[in-house]
Protein backbone atom coordinates (compact mmCIF):
# COMPACT_ATOMS: atom_id res chain seq x y z
CA MET A 1 27.13 -15.04 -34.06
CA GLU A 2 24.53 -12.83 -32.41
CA LYS A 3 21.80 -15.39 -33.11
CA VAL A 4 23.92 -18.13 -31.56
CA LYS A 5 24.33 -16.07 -28.39
CA LYS A 6 20.61 -15.43 -28.16
CA LEU A 7 19.87 -19.11 -28.76
CA TYR A 8 22.33 -20.10 -26.03
CA VAL A 9 20.76 -17.67 -23.53
CA ALA A 10 17.28 -18.95 -24.43
CA LEU A 11 18.39 -22.55 -23.85
CA VAL A 12 19.87 -21.65 -20.45
CA VAL A 13 16.65 -19.89 -19.40
CA LEU A 14 14.61 -22.85 -20.67
CA PHE A 15 16.82 -25.26 -18.74
CA LEU A 16 16.38 -23.24 -15.52
CA TYR A 17 12.64 -22.60 -15.72
CA ALA A 18 11.24 -25.61 -17.61
CA PRO A 19 10.77 -27.65 -14.39
CA ILE A 20 8.97 -24.74 -12.75
CA GLY A 21 6.80 -24.35 -15.85
CA VAL A 22 5.80 -28.01 -15.61
CA LEU A 23 4.99 -27.56 -11.93
CA VAL A 24 2.80 -24.52 -12.62
CA ALA A 25 0.98 -26.33 -15.43
CA GLN A 26 0.41 -29.38 -13.25
CA SER A 27 -1.16 -27.21 -10.53
CA PHE A 28 -3.97 -26.38 -12.99
CA ASN A 29 -4.39 -29.96 -14.21
CA ALA A 30 -7.74 -31.53 -13.37
CA SER A 31 -6.13 -34.97 -13.17
CA ARG A 32 -4.49 -36.23 -10.01
CA TYR A 33 -1.98 -38.20 -12.04
CA ARG A 34 1.24 -36.63 -13.27
CA GLY A 35 1.77 -36.37 -17.00
CA HIS A 36 -1.91 -36.90 -17.86
CA TRP A 37 -3.68 -33.66 -18.78
CA THR A 38 -7.47 -33.85 -18.52
CA GLY A 39 -8.40 -30.17 -18.40
CA PHE A 40 -7.95 -26.84 -16.65
CA THR A 41 -9.12 -26.46 -13.05
CA LEU A 42 -8.67 -24.32 -9.96
CA GLN A 43 -9.85 -27.14 -7.71
CA TRP A 44 -6.46 -27.74 -6.10
CA TYR A 45 -6.09 -24.09 -5.16
CA GLY A 46 -9.54 -24.15 -3.56
CA GLU A 47 -8.70 -27.28 -1.57
CA LEU A 48 -5.37 -25.77 -0.63
CA PHE A 49 -6.99 -22.77 1.09
CA GLN A 50 -9.36 -25.08 2.95
CA ASN A 51 -6.45 -26.95 4.52
CA GLU A 52 -6.01 -25.57 8.05
CA GLY A 53 -2.52 -27.03 8.37
CA ILE A 54 -1.35 -25.18 5.26
CA LEU A 55 -2.98 -21.93 6.40
CA ASP A 56 -1.30 -22.18 9.82
CA ALA A 57 2.05 -22.81 8.12
CA LEU A 58 1.45 -19.81 5.84
CA GLN A 59 0.66 -17.59 8.84
CA ASN A 60 3.83 -18.75 10.60
CA THR A 61 5.91 -18.13 7.48
CA VAL A 62 4.62 -14.59 7.00
CA THR A 63 4.79 -13.54 10.67
CA ILE A 64 8.22 -15.06 11.27
CA GLY A 65 9.50 -13.64 7.98
CA LEU A 66 8.29 -10.11 8.69
CA SER A 67 9.40 -10.16 12.33
CA SER A 68 12.84 -11.63 11.67
CA ALA A 69 13.41 -9.26 8.74
CA ALA A 70 12.42 -6.23 10.83
CA ILE A 71 14.60 -7.26 13.79
CA ALA A 72 17.56 -8.13 11.54
CA THR A 73 17.23 -4.78 9.73
CA ILE A 74 17.25 -2.82 13.00
CA LEU A 75 20.20 -4.79 14.38
CA GLY A 76 22.02 -4.49 11.06
CA LEU A 77 21.56 -0.71 11.06
CA ILE A 78 22.88 -0.42 14.63
CA THR A 79 25.83 -2.66 13.73
CA CYS A 80 26.68 -0.56 10.69
CA MET A 81 26.54 2.59 12.81
CA ALA A 82 29.06 1.03 15.20
CA LEU A 83 31.28 -0.17 12.34
CA ARG A 84 31.27 3.31 10.79
CA GLY A 85 33.11 4.59 13.84
CA MET A 86 35.80 1.91 13.68
CA GLY A 87 39.10 2.09 11.88
CA ARG A 88 39.55 0.49 8.48
CA LYS A 89 41.36 -2.64 9.70
CA PRO A 90 39.07 -3.48 12.66
CA ARG A 91 36.05 -2.88 10.43
CA SER A 92 37.43 -5.19 7.74
CA VAL A 93 38.12 -7.90 10.31
CA PHE A 94 34.61 -7.64 11.78
CA LEU A 95 32.96 -7.69 8.35
CA GLY A 96 34.97 -10.78 7.47
CA VAL A 97 33.89 -12.51 10.66
CA ALA A 98 30.26 -11.42 10.13
CA SER A 99 30.33 -12.81 6.59
CA MET A 100 31.50 -16.27 7.66
CA PRO A 101 27.94 -17.56 8.36
CA LEU A 102 27.11 -16.89 4.70
CA LEU A 103 29.76 -19.43 3.69
CA ASN A 104 28.80 -21.94 6.35
CA ALA A 105 26.60 -24.91 5.43
CA ASP A 106 22.99 -24.45 6.48
CA ILE A 107 22.91 -27.88 8.11
CA VAL A 108 25.86 -26.90 10.34
CA THR A 109 24.14 -23.64 11.29
CA GLY A 110 20.87 -25.44 11.97
CA ILE A 111 22.42 -28.11 14.20
CA SER A 112 24.53 -25.51 16.03
CA LEU A 113 21.51 -23.33 16.79
CA MET A 114 19.46 -26.34 17.90
CA LEU A 115 22.20 -27.40 20.33
CA LEU A 116 22.54 -23.83 21.58
CA PHE A 117 18.82 -23.44 22.24
CA LEU A 118 18.58 -26.82 23.96
CA GLY A 119 21.69 -26.05 26.02
CA MET A 120 20.12 -22.78 27.16
CA GLY A 121 16.99 -24.65 28.21
CA LEU A 122 14.82 -23.04 25.54
CA ARG A 123 11.86 -24.91 24.14
CA LEU A 124 12.01 -25.35 20.40
CA GLY A 125 9.06 -23.68 18.71
CA TYR A 126 7.98 -20.36 17.26
CA GLY A 127 10.48 -18.35 19.31
CA SER A 128 13.45 -20.55 18.41
CA ILE A 129 12.61 -20.31 14.70
CA LEU A 130 12.36 -16.53 14.97
CA MET A 131 15.73 -16.22 16.72
CA ALA A 132 17.38 -18.59 14.25
CA HIS A 133 16.08 -16.59 11.29
CA VAL A 134 17.34 -13.35 12.81
CA VAL A 135 20.78 -14.93 13.22
CA PHE A 136 21.19 -16.07 9.62
CA ASN A 137 19.51 -12.95 8.17
CA LEU A 138 21.70 -10.45 10.00
CA PRO A 139 24.84 -10.89 7.80
CA TYR A 140 22.77 -10.34 4.65
CA VAL A 141 21.33 -7.12 6.05
CA ILE A 142 24.76 -5.85 7.08
CA LEU A 143 26.13 -6.48 3.59
CA CYS A 144 23.19 -4.55 2.11
CA ILE A 145 23.48 -1.52 4.40
CA MET A 146 27.22 -1.17 4.99
CA PRO A 147 28.33 -0.05 1.49
CA GLN A 148 25.68 2.69 1.43
CA PHE A 149 26.56 3.75 4.98
CA LEU A 150 30.26 4.11 4.12
CA SER A 151 29.47 6.17 1.02
CA LEU A 152 27.49 8.80 2.96
CA ASP A 153 28.88 12.33 3.21
CA ARG A 154 29.29 13.10 6.91
CA SER A 155 29.31 16.84 6.22
CA CYS A 156 25.53 16.84 5.79
CA TYR A 157 25.08 15.31 9.23
CA ASP A 158 27.58 17.78 10.73
CA ALA A 159 25.76 20.69 9.06
CA ALA A 160 22.47 19.57 10.61
CA ARG A 161 24.15 19.39 14.02
CA ASP A 162 25.62 22.90 13.54
CA LEU A 163 22.13 24.20 12.77
CA GLY A 164 20.89 23.02 16.16
CA ALA A 165 19.53 19.53 15.41
CA THR A 166 19.99 16.88 18.09
CA PRO A 167 21.94 13.74 17.11
CA PHE A 168 18.71 11.76 16.85
CA VAL A 169 16.94 14.38 14.72
CA ALA A 170 19.98 14.79 12.47
CA PHE A 171 20.16 11.03 11.99
CA ARG A 172 16.42 10.73 11.31
CA ARG A 173 16.20 13.70 8.94
CA VAL A 174 19.56 13.44 7.13
CA VAL A 175 21.09 9.96 7.39
CA LEU A 176 18.03 7.71 7.47
CA PRO A 177 16.50 8.98 4.18
CA GLU A 178 19.81 8.31 2.42
CA LEU A 179 19.87 4.76 3.79
CA ARG A 180 16.25 4.00 2.89
CA PRO A 181 17.00 2.07 -0.34
CA SER A 182 19.59 -0.16 1.32
CA LEU A 183 17.35 -0.68 4.37
CA LEU A 184 14.49 -1.74 2.11
CA ALA A 185 16.80 -4.02 0.13
CA GLY A 186 18.07 -5.64 3.32
CA PHE A 187 14.55 -6.09 4.67
CA MET A 188 13.23 -7.68 1.48
CA LEU A 189 16.25 -9.95 1.14
CA ALA A 190 15.92 -11.06 4.77
CA PHE A 191 12.21 -11.74 4.36
CA THR A 192 12.80 -13.76 1.19
CA MET A 193 15.55 -15.81 2.84
CA SER A 194 13.33 -16.46 5.86
CA ALA A 195 10.30 -17.50 3.83
CA ASP A 196 12.42 -19.84 1.69
CA ASP A 197 14.47 -21.47 4.47
CA PHE A 198 14.00 -25.16 5.19
CA ILE A 199 17.15 -26.68 6.71
CA ILE A 200 17.70 -24.29 9.63
CA THR A 201 13.95 -24.15 10.33
CA HIS A 202 13.76 -27.95 10.30
CA PHE A 203 16.33 -28.24 13.09
CA THR A 204 14.99 -25.40 15.26
CA LYS A 205 11.22 -25.69 14.92
CA GLY A 206 10.36 -28.45 17.39
CA ALA A 207 7.10 -30.40 17.23
CA GLY A 208 3.69 -28.96 16.44
CA ILE A 209 4.77 -25.99 14.35
CA ASP A 210 5.62 -25.66 10.66
CA THR A 211 6.47 -23.08 8.06
CA LEU A 212 5.55 -23.57 4.43
CA PRO A 213 8.84 -25.28 3.40
CA THR A 214 8.71 -27.74 6.31
CA LYS A 215 4.98 -28.32 5.77
CA ILE A 216 5.54 -29.09 2.10
CA TYR A 217 8.27 -31.57 3.04
CA ALA A 218 6.02 -33.26 5.61
CA GLU A 219 3.17 -33.53 3.11
CA LEU A 220 5.41 -34.94 0.38
CA LYS A 221 6.55 -37.76 2.68
CA LEU A 222 2.93 -38.93 2.76
CA GLY A 223 2.61 -38.81 -1.02
CA ILE A 224 2.43 -36.13 -3.67
CA HIS A 225 -0.99 -34.48 -3.68
CA PRO A 226 -2.09 -31.92 -6.30
CA GLU A 227 -2.52 -29.36 -3.53
CA MET A 228 1.28 -29.41 -3.14
CA TYR A 229 1.64 -28.38 -6.79
CA ALA A 230 -0.60 -25.39 -6.13
CA LEU A 231 1.25 -24.52 -2.92
CA SER A 232 4.66 -24.78 -4.61
CA THR A 233 3.43 -22.53 -7.42
CA LEU A 234 2.26 -19.90 -4.94
CA VAL A 235 5.60 -20.05 -3.10
CA PHE A 236 7.46 -19.56 -6.40
CA VAL A 237 5.27 -16.59 -7.36
CA PHE A 238 5.71 -15.11 -3.89
CA VAL A 239 9.52 -15.34 -4.01
CA LEU A 240 9.55 -14.10 -7.62
CA VAL A 241 7.60 -10.96 -6.70
CA PHE A 242 10.00 -10.17 -3.87
CA ALA A 243 13.01 -10.80 -6.12
CA VAL A 244 11.61 -8.36 -8.69
CA LEU A 245 11.01 -5.77 -5.97
CA LEU A 246 14.58 -6.26 -4.77
CA ILE A 247 15.97 -5.75 -8.29
CA VAL A 248 13.85 -2.64 -8.82
CA ASN A 249 15.02 -1.24 -5.50
CA ARG A 250 18.64 -1.93 -6.45
CA LYS A 251 18.17 -0.07 -9.74
CA ARG A 252 16.69 2.92 -7.92
CA LEU A 253 19.64 2.88 -5.53
CA THR A 254 22.08 2.86 -8.47
CA LEU A 255 20.24 5.70 -10.19
CA GLY A 256 20.29 7.68 -6.96
CA ARG A 257 24.05 7.31 -6.74
CA ASN A 258 24.55 8.40 -10.35
CA TRP A 259 22.24 11.41 -10.03
């Protein structure tokens, strides 16, 4: 029975990652034609990094991802501080309302934000993408920080205040170190979601600017080039690394609670 379970798990993993494995292998294929292996090459990766359009999209993805994750983390922390002072019922209602965007379809969120920006007279571009990413990242950050915030022992903060620390110093020296794992988890999750987003970015980006997901889509409409295999492989590796870091951070947070 144990062997059957292991075989089943192996088949599930194979089913999930076989397409990605084919993509990775094809990115090193010297042939331009799919399904015809002619040898190992790094040519497509070299051509990829000589493509100015791809490099611009990569720069936009990284800068928007880091900026939106940082802003969402700061706003999420401030929101959790405000929620901590609320009663149980108001806090539950607010958290339920804040979690609704997570259940909403991305296409609805994207169209809504596009109409909002246009109605406000904003020009769609880098700024609109950044604001849109902050909006859909904020609920994820709140859900990462809030449980840790509610589990904190307020007596440590009160003790620091009794010893003469100002509210800001007590928060920075006592509360913030305890929240560091959840803040890091929220930041990494927000960055990953931002870097991987296509639908909301597609509706809020305007003309003349792309992130990696929208650039890949635009390139694929013109035909599948081997450079896209290499780019897709790098995106997968990038997201995989951040997912591993998120899992490791979660484990450290769990160990810290059990200590």
